[in-house]
Amino acid sequence: MEIMKLRKIILISTLSVALITTASAPVKQLFTAAEQQQISIPTPGLFTRSDAFNIDFSALKASEYSFPLPVGKATVRKNNSMEITTSEGDAVKAMFEGTVRLSRKQSEMGNVIVVRHRNGLETVYGNNAQNLVNVGDYVRAGQTIAIAGSRDGKIFCEFQIMVNGCRINPSTIIDVRSHKLRPQTILCEKNGSLVNVSILGDKTDIEETEDEMKLDRMFEKSSTFKLNLEKMEKQRWAYPLPGAKVISPYGGKRRHSGVDLKTKPNDEILAAFDGVVTRSSPYSGYGNCIVIRHDNGLETLYSHQSKNFVKVGDRVKAGQVIGLTGRTGRATTEHLHFETLFKGRRFNPNLIFDHTSKQLQQSTLTLTKNGGITSKKN
């Protein structure tokens, strides 16, 4: 039976690694002598603006990711490195776009390359027969950067993923068997001398519900499914915080993952649609958080509550009171942070609700099998 996991915390010792934000063109980077020699080393700037950042892998295009050895066989070791065995002469590929920080022979890993990526991670490629890139080179995802080398009678690449200079388990981000990137968002949050790496949207903590099976059946005959919001019966939906005003919209320069709604402290928060509670607990910067998987295939997230009234596995009805507004987690005032998701991908709640009228939009949503969502006015 498929298991669903909404959160996993990995504690790693803190070092500073610069988060390079996505830009339209690569920025030339200069590295110190120490950065060009040491695999794990601090890089300034990661937590300069905030104590946390997230990486949304579900938003990447196919061309923006590559498994290091596409035809290789991967095994994760206990030290959080991945051994990818292959055949002689196979080409090692860069996982994401980025800049080569280190390219040299090192005592433990042989010829090794470290690429600093613009999403805040670094990847390490060791045991190379030959390095094909130099420090400062900009590389694209899927670009050949080395030739796999041999040791102990086998051809392999020793691969690692680092955040803040420390290794994380590659299977946190990659499905080791399929080589595919997990379509999820990770949150990297400073926690004193540690960093919490949290995963939202990985399916492993509670049993698959009939709602999930119903979602699969939606796409049995077609790769798209249409949801006409205008035809939804009144008892099947509710605005999550009646009387609220928007104090922070979705998106914008700060890439806000939801919409912030404010009324008064300890105001009643309502479930947007019928569904099953899949999270009800404190969750990092979200504070007291609730996630509901709905019968229509969507998910909604509610956070910063002073109190949650529901628990995981509860079946809720649209309009049911599920919690009270608060300021738990990273919040400067009592409010509701509200998110909408489809297949683990966040989308603008404005596609569902008109925040001025507190009504459903008069539109039809088109949901795609791969997690896409578009809206068209009726």
Protein backbone atom coordinates (compact mmCIF):
# COMPACT_ATOMS: atom_id res chain seq x y z
CA MET A 1 0.00 0.00 0.00
CA GLU A 2 1.35 3.43 -0.85
CA ILE A 3 2.27 5.45 2.21
CA MET A 4 2.08 9.20 2.42
CA LYS A 5 4.62 11.43 4.13
CA LEU A 6 4.11 15.16 4.48
CA ARG A 7 7.22 15.99 6.48
CA LYS A 8 10.68 14.72 7.23
CA ILE A 9 13.28 16.61 9.25
CA ILE A 10 16.99 16.10 8.74
CA LEU A 11 19.26 17.88 11.22
CA ILE A 12 22.62 18.89 9.81
CA SER A 13 25.42 21.01 11.27
CA THR A 14 25.27 24.57 10.05
CA LEU A 15 27.67 26.15 7.61
CA SER A 16 26.91 29.13 5.42
CA VAL A 17 26.42 28.46 1.73
CA ALA A 18 25.31 31.28 -0.55
CA LEU A 19 21.85 30.94 -2.04
CA ILE A 20 22.11 32.05 -5.64
CA THR A 21 18.67 33.11 -6.77
CA THR A 22 17.45 32.21 -10.22
CA ALA A 23 18.24 34.85 -12.82
CA SER A 24 17.76 35.19 -16.52
CA ALA A 25 21.49 34.82 -17.17
CA PRO A 26 24.33 33.17 -15.23
CA VAL A 27 26.36 35.43 -12.97
CA LYS A 28 30.13 35.06 -12.98
CA GLN A 29 31.29 33.85 -9.57
CA LEU A 30 34.69 34.19 -7.96
CA PHE A 31 35.85 31.63 -5.41
CA THR A 32 38.57 31.91 -2.78
CA ALA A 33 41.56 29.57 -2.78
CA ALA A 34 39.98 27.64 0.11
CA GLU A 35 36.71 27.23 -1.78
CA GLN A 36 38.62 25.80 -4.72
CA GLN A 37 40.36 23.21 -2.52
CA GLN A 38 37.84 22.08 0.14
CA ILE A 39 34.71 20.10 -0.65
CA SER A 40 32.74 21.21 2.44
CA ILE A 41 33.28 24.89 3.15
CA PRO A 42 31.15 27.89 4.20
CA THR A 43 29.93 30.30 1.54
CA PRO A 44 28.57 33.63 2.79
CA GLY A 45 25.03 34.87 2.29
CA LEU A 46 22.63 31.93 2.70
CA PHE A 47 20.75 33.33 5.70
CA THR A 48 21.54 37.01 5.24
CA ARG A 49 18.00 38.03 4.32
CA SER A 50 16.03 35.34 6.11
CA ASP A 51 16.45 32.41 8.48
CA ALA A 52 14.95 30.09 5.86
CA PHE A 53 14.68 29.42 2.16
CA ASN A 54 12.85 26.80 0.11
CA ILE A 55 13.43 24.99 -3.16
CA ASP A 56 10.45 23.93 -5.26
CA PHE A 57 11.57 21.01 -7.41
CA SER A 58 8.08 20.56 -8.86
CA ALA A 59 8.50 23.81 -10.79
CA LEU A 60 11.54 22.59 -12.75
CA LYS A 61 11.29 21.79 -16.44
CA ALA A 62 12.64 18.47 -17.74
CA SER A 63 15.65 20.29 -19.23
CA GLU A 64 16.56 21.76 -15.83
CA TYR A 65 17.42 18.44 -14.18
CA SER A 66 19.60 15.46 -15.03
CA PHE A 67 20.57 12.34 -13.12
CA PRO A 68 24.41 12.25 -13.01
CA LEU A 69 24.66 8.90 -14.82
CA PRO A 70 21.29 8.28 -16.53
CA VAL A 71 21.99 4.59 -17.30
CA GLY A 72 23.86 3.87 -14.06
CA LYS A 73 22.68 1.84 -11.07
CA ALA A 74 22.49 3.90 -7.87
CA THR A 75 23.06 2.78 -4.28
CA VAL A 76 22.88 5.11 -1.26
CA ARG A 77 25.60 4.54 1.33
CA LYS A 78 25.36 5.11 5.07
CA ASN A 79 27.49 8.26 4.81
CA ASN A 80 24.84 9.95 2.63
CA SER A 81 26.81 9.55 -0.56
CA MET A 82 25.48 7.75 -3.61
CA GLU A 83 27.51 5.24 -5.60
CA ILE A 84 26.37 5.13 -9.24
CA THR A 85 27.92 2.20 -11.10
CA THR A 86 28.16 2.27 -14.87
CA SER A 87 30.38 1.16 -17.78
CA GLU A 88 33.81 2.39 -18.81
CA GLY A 89 33.88 5.75 -20.57
CA ASP A 90 30.41 6.83 -19.42
CA ALA A 91 29.84 10.59 -19.15
CA VAL A 92 28.99 12.24 -15.81
CA LYS A 93 26.29 14.93 -16.10
CA ALA A 94 25.62 18.06 -14.01
CA MET A 95 22.40 17.65 -12.03
CA PHE A 96 21.30 21.32 -12.20
CA GLU A 97 22.70 24.45 -13.77
CA GLY A 98 25.38 26.19 -11.76
CA THR A 99 29.01 27.20 -11.46
CA VAL A 100 31.98 24.90 -10.90
CA ARG A 101 33.45 25.76 -7.49
CA LEU A 102 36.05 22.99 -7.27
CA SER A 103 37.74 20.78 -9.88
CA ARG A 104 40.82 18.95 -8.67
CA LYS A 105 42.31 15.67 -7.44
CA GLN A 106 41.58 14.99 -3.80
CA SER A 107 42.95 12.25 -1.56
CA GLU A 108 39.64 10.57 -0.62
CA MET A 109 37.53 11.02 -3.76
CA GLY A 110 40.14 11.17 -6.52
CA ASN A 111 39.31 13.61 -9.30
CA VAL A 112 36.34 15.52 -7.91
CA ILE A 113 34.06 18.33 -9.05
CA VAL A 114 31.78 20.50 -6.90
CA VAL A 115 29.07 22.55 -8.60
CA ARG A 116 27.29 25.34 -6.74
CA HIS A 117 23.74 25.63 -8.01
CA ARG A 118 21.53 28.67 -8.17
CA ASN A 119 18.84 26.90 -6.12
CA GLY A 120 21.12 26.92 -3.03
CA LEU A 121 22.40 23.34 -3.19
CA GLU A 122 25.82 22.02 -4.13
CA THR A 123 26.51 18.68 -5.84
CA VAL A 124 29.70 16.64 -5.67
CA TYR A 125 30.98 14.25 -8.36
CA GLY A 126 33.95 12.10 -7.32
CA ASN A 127 36.08 9.20 -8.56
CA ASN A 128 36.29 10.70 -12.03
CA ALA A 129 38.75 9.32 -14.58
CA GLN A 130 38.92 12.84 -16.00
CA ASN A 131 37.41 16.21 -15.11
CA LEU A 132 36.19 18.13 -18.16
CA VAL A 133 35.39 21.51 -16.54
CA ASN A 134 37.36 24.12 -14.63
CA VAL A 135 36.65 26.33 -11.64
CA GLY A 136 34.38 29.22 -12.62
CA ASP A 137 32.81 27.42 -15.60
CA TYR A 138 29.05 27.78 -15.90
CA VAL A 139 27.37 24.44 -16.62
CA ARG A 140 23.87 23.53 -17.71
CA ALA A 141 21.78 20.67 -16.32
CA GLY A 142 22.71 17.55 -18.28
CA GLN A 143 26.05 18.94 -19.49
CA THR A 144 28.93 16.44 -19.47
CA ILE A 145 31.41 17.51 -16.80
CA ALA A 146 33.54 14.37 -16.29
CA ILE A 147 34.23 10.78 -17.31
CA ALA A 148 33.41 8.09 -14.72
CA GLY A 149 36.48 6.43 -13.20
CA SER A 150 37.31 3.01 -11.79
CA ARG A 151 38.21 1.76 -8.35
CA ASP A 152 38.24 -1.70 -6.77
CA GLY A 153 37.39 -3.30 -10.10
CA LYS A 154 34.24 -1.29 -10.89
CA ILE A 155 33.34 1.88 -12.77
CA PHE A 156 31.35 4.40 -10.72
CA CYS A 157 30.72 8.01 -9.74
CA GLU A 158 30.66 8.93 -6.06
CA PHE A 159 27.87 11.48 -5.87
CA GLN A 160 26.77 13.75 -3.00
CA ILE A 161 24.25 16.53 -2.43
CA MET A 162 25.12 19.26 0.07
CA VAL A 163 23.25 22.05 1.74
CA ASN A 164 25.28 24.39 3.90
CA GLY A 165 28.35 22.29 3.22
CA CYS A 166 26.90 19.13 4.74
CA ARG A 167 25.64 16.02 2.97
CA ILE A 168 21.96 15.15 2.90
CA ASN A 169 20.60 11.79 1.84
CA PRO A 170 20.25 11.95 -1.98
CA SER A 171 17.04 9.89 -1.77
CA THR A 172 15.49 12.88 0.01
CA ILE A 173 15.46 14.62 -3.37
CA ILE A 174 15.79 11.78 -5.91
CA ASP A 175 13.87 8.54 -6.43
CA VAL A 176 16.90 6.24 -6.48
CA ARG A 177 15.23 3.53 -8.58
CA SER A 178 13.68 5.72 -11.28
CA HIS A 179 16.40 8.45 -11.15
CA LYS A 180 13.57 11.01 -11.20
CA LEU A 181 13.50 14.18 -9.13
CA ARG A 182 10.81 14.10 -6.44
CA PRO A 183 8.15 16.78 -7.26
CA GLN A 184 8.21 18.44 -3.85
CA THR A 185 9.36 21.52 -1.99
CA ILE A 186 12.10 21.40 0.62
CA LEU A 187 12.42 24.06 3.31
CA CYS A 188 15.91 24.79 4.69
CA GLU A 189 15.59 26.66 7.99
CA LYS A 190 18.31 27.93 10.33
CA ASN A 191 17.90 26.48 13.83
CA GLY A 192 20.70 27.74 16.05
CA SER A 193 23.77 25.65 15.22
CA LEU A 194 21.65 23.32 13.07
CA VAL A 195 19.58 23.53 9.92
CA ASN A 196 16.21 21.81 9.51
CA VAL A 197 15.58 20.40 6.05
CA SER A 198 11.83 19.77 5.84
CA ILE A 199 9.93 18.13 3.03
CA LEU A 200 6.34 18.98 2.21
CA GLY A 201 4.41 16.77 -0.20
CA ASP A 202 6.33 13.48 -0.06
CA LYS A 203 3.73 10.68 0.24
CA THR A 204 4.64 8.29 3.03
CA ASP A 205 3.01 8.94 6.43
CA ILE A 206 -0.64 7.96 6.27
CA GLU A 207 -2.50 5.31 4.35
CA GLU A 208 -3.75 6.09 0.89
CA THR A 209 -7.35 7.24 1.11
CA GLU A 210 -10.22 6.67 -1.28
CA ASP A 211 -9.80 10.32 -2.26
CA GLU A 212 -6.33 9.58 -3.66
CA MET A 213 -7.63 6.61 -5.60
CA LYS A 214 -10.44 8.81 -6.90
CA LEU A 215 -7.80 11.29 -8.11
CA ASP A 216 -6.09 8.52 -10.06
CA ARG A 217 -9.42 7.55 -11.63
CA MET A 218 -9.95 11.12 -12.83
CA PHE A 219 -7.23 10.60 -15.43
CA GLU A 220 -8.02 7.04 -16.52
CA LYS A 221 -9.67 8.18 -19.76
CA SER A 222 -7.98 11.53 -20.32
CA SER A 223 -4.84 13.41 -19.33
CA THR A 224 -6.97 16.40 -18.21
CA PHE A 225 -9.88 16.90 -15.84
CA LYS A 226 -12.17 19.95 -15.72
CA LEU A 227 -13.55 21.39 -12.47
CA ASN A 228 -16.31 23.99 -12.99
CA LEU A 229 -16.26 26.13 -9.85
CA GLU A 230 -19.40 28.01 -10.85
CA LYS A 231 -21.46 24.81 -10.74
CA MET A 232 -20.22 23.74 -7.31
CA GLU A 233 -23.07 23.52 -4.77
CA LYS A 234 -22.92 26.04 -1.91
CA GLN A 235 -22.69 23.35 0.77
CA ARG A 236 -19.59 21.91 -0.93
CA TRP A 237 -17.33 24.92 -0.42
CA ALA A 238 -16.55 27.72 2.08
CA TYR A 239 -14.26 30.73 2.13
CA PRO A 240 -11.64 29.85 4.75
CA LEU A 241 -11.80 33.09 6.74
CA PRO A 242 -15.07 35.02 6.19
CA GLY A 243 -14.72 38.78 6.58
CA ALA A 244 -10.95 38.71 6.06
CA LYS A 245 -8.82 41.14 4.11
CA VAL A 246 -5.72 40.20 2.17
CA ILE A 247 -2.57 41.50 3.87
CA SER A 248 -0.08 39.66 1.65
CA PRO A 249 -0.95 38.24 -1.81
CA TYR A 250 0.38 35.16 -3.54
CA GLY A 251 3.71 35.40 -5.39
CA GLY A 252 5.40 38.74 -5.86
CA LYS A 253 9.03 39.59 -5.20
CA ARG A 254 9.10 37.52 -2.02
CA ARG A 255 7.62 34.52 -3.89
CA HIS A 256 4.91 34.13 -1.28
CA SER A 257 3.62 30.55 -1.41
CA GLY A 258 0.07 31.43 -0.37
CA VAL A 259 -2.18 34.33 0.59
CA ASP A 260 -2.29 35.89 4.05
CA LEU A 261 -5.79 36.66 5.36
CA LYS A 262 -6.48 38.74 8.47
CA THR A 263 -9.51 39.38 10.67
CA LYS A 264 -8.92 39.15 14.44
CA PRO A 265 -7.06 36.88 16.88
CA ASN A 266 -8.65 33.47 17.50
CA ASP A 267 -11.13 33.86 14.65
CA GLU A 268 -12.67 30.66 13.27
CA ILE A 269 -11.00 29.08 10.23
CA LEU A 270 -13.18 27.00 7.91
CA ALA A 271 -12.34 24.01 5.73
CA ALA A 272 -12.54 25.12 2.09
CA PHE A 273 -14.01 21.82 0.79
CA ASP A 274 -14.93 18.34 1.99
CA GLY A 275 -11.88 16.17 2.58
CA VAL A 276 -9.50 14.28 4.86
CA VAL A 277 -6.97 15.89 7.21
CA THR A 278 -3.45 14.75 6.28
CA ARG A 279 -1.52 17.07 8.62
CA SER A 280 -2.36 18.72 11.93
CA SER A 281 0.76 19.65 13.86
CA PRO A 282 3.44 22.31 14.29
CA TYR A 283 5.46 22.54 11.08
CA SER A 284 8.61 24.65 11.09
CA GLY A 285 7.95 28.30 10.16
CA TYR A 286 4.29 27.53 9.46
CA GLY A 287 3.57 27.10 13.17
CA ASN A 288 0.40 25.12 13.86
CA CYS A 289 -0.44 23.78 10.41
CA ILE A 290 -3.31 21.85 8.85
CA VAL A 291 -3.37 20.21 5.42
CA ILE A 292 -6.57 18.79 3.92
CA ARG A 293 -6.80 16.56 0.85
CA HIS A 294 -10.14 17.26 -0.83
CA ASP A 295 -12.56 15.08 -2.74
CA ASN A 296 -12.04 17.23 -5.86
CA GLY A 297 -8.33 16.35 -6.02
CA LEU A 298 -7.05 19.61 -4.55
CA GLU A 299 -5.26 20.21 -1.24
CA THR A 300 -5.41 23.24 1.05
CA LEU A 301 -2.97 24.31 3.75
CA TYR A 302 -3.80 26.52 6.76
CA SER A 303 -1.11 27.80 9.13
CA HIS A 304 -0.12 29.99 12.11
CA GLN A 305 -3.18 28.79 14.09
CA SER A 306 -3.34 29.42 17.83
CA LYS A 307 -5.19 26.10 18.03
CA ASN A 308 -6.01 23.22 15.69
CA PHE A 309 -9.36 21.45 16.22
CA VAL A 310 -8.80 18.49 13.88
CA LYS A 311 -6.36 15.59 13.76
CA VAL A 312 -4.82 13.50 10.99
CA GLY A 313 -7.37 11.13 9.47
CA ASP A 314 -10.41 13.24 10.39
CA ARG A 315 -13.00 13.59 7.65
CA VAL A 316 -14.17 17.21 7.48
CA LYS A 317 -17.00 18.99 5.66
CA ALA A 318 -16.77 22.28 3.81
CA GLY A 319 -17.37 25.12 6.28
CA GLN A 320 -16.39 23.07 9.33
CA VAL A 321 -14.33 25.00 11.90
CA ILE A 322 -10.86 23.44 11.90
CA GLY A 323 -8.83 25.95 13.96
CA LEU A 324 -8.39 29.50 15.26
CA THR A 325 -6.21 32.27 13.82
CA GLY A 326 -2.93 32.91 15.61
CA ARG A 327 0.70 33.87 15.11
CA THR A 328 2.56 30.60 15.74
CA GLY A 329 5.66 29.94 13.64
CA ARG A 330 7.18 32.84 11.70
CA ALA A 331 4.33 35.36 11.92
CA THR A 332 4.34 38.98 13.05
CA THR A 333 0.58 39.26 13.51
CA GLU A 334 -2.42 36.98 13.99
CA HIS A 335 -3.58 35.83 10.57
CA LEU A 336 -4.25 32.83 8.34
CA HIS A 337 -1.67 31.78 5.78
CA PHE A 338 -3.69 29.87 3.18
CA GLU A 339 -2.24 27.74 0.35
CA THR A 340 -3.78 25.70 -2.46
CA LEU A 341 -2.02 22.70 -4.01
CA PHE A 342 -2.55 20.11 -6.71
CA LYS A 343 -0.37 16.98 -6.76
CA GLY A 344 2.01 18.67 -4.33
CA ARG A 345 2.42 21.81 -6.46
CA ARG A 346 1.34 25.16 -5.08
CA PHE A 347 -0.82 27.42 -7.22
CA ASN A 348 -2.40 30.82 -6.74
CA PRO A 349 -5.46 30.63 -4.40
CA ASN A 350 -6.95 33.41 -6.53
CA LEU A 351 -7.73 30.74 -9.14
CA ILE A 352 -10.23 29.34 -6.62
CA PHE A 353 -11.50 32.31 -4.61
CA ASP A 354 -12.38 35.94 -5.29
CA HIS A 355 -10.99 37.45 -2.07
CA THR A 356 -13.12 40.60 -2.40
CA SER A 357 -16.50 38.91 -2.70
CA LYS A 358 -15.44 35.80 -0.72
CA GLN A 359 -16.99 33.68 -3.49
CA LEU A 360 -15.71 31.00 -5.82
CA GLN A 361 -14.37 32.29 -9.10
CA GLN A 362 -16.80 32.01 -12.05
CA SER A 363 -14.38 29.88 -13.97
CA THR A 364 -13.39 26.34 -14.91
CA LEU A 365 -10.11 24.81 -13.80
CA THR A 366 -8.31 22.34 -16.05
CA LEU A 367 -6.20 19.88 -14.06
CA THR A 368 -3.58 17.81 -15.87
CA LYS A 369 -2.24 14.39 -15.00
CA ASN A 370 1.29 15.74 -14.49
CA GLY A 371 0.10 18.31 -11.92
CA GLY A 372 -0.56 21.36 -14.10
CA ILE A 373 -3.52 23.67 -13.50
CA THR A 374 -5.03 26.46 -15.62
CA SER A 375 -8.14 28.61 -15.25
CA LYS A 376 -10.61 29.92 -17.83
CA LYS A 377 -13.46 32.34 -17.10
CA ASN A 378 -16.91 30.90 -17.84
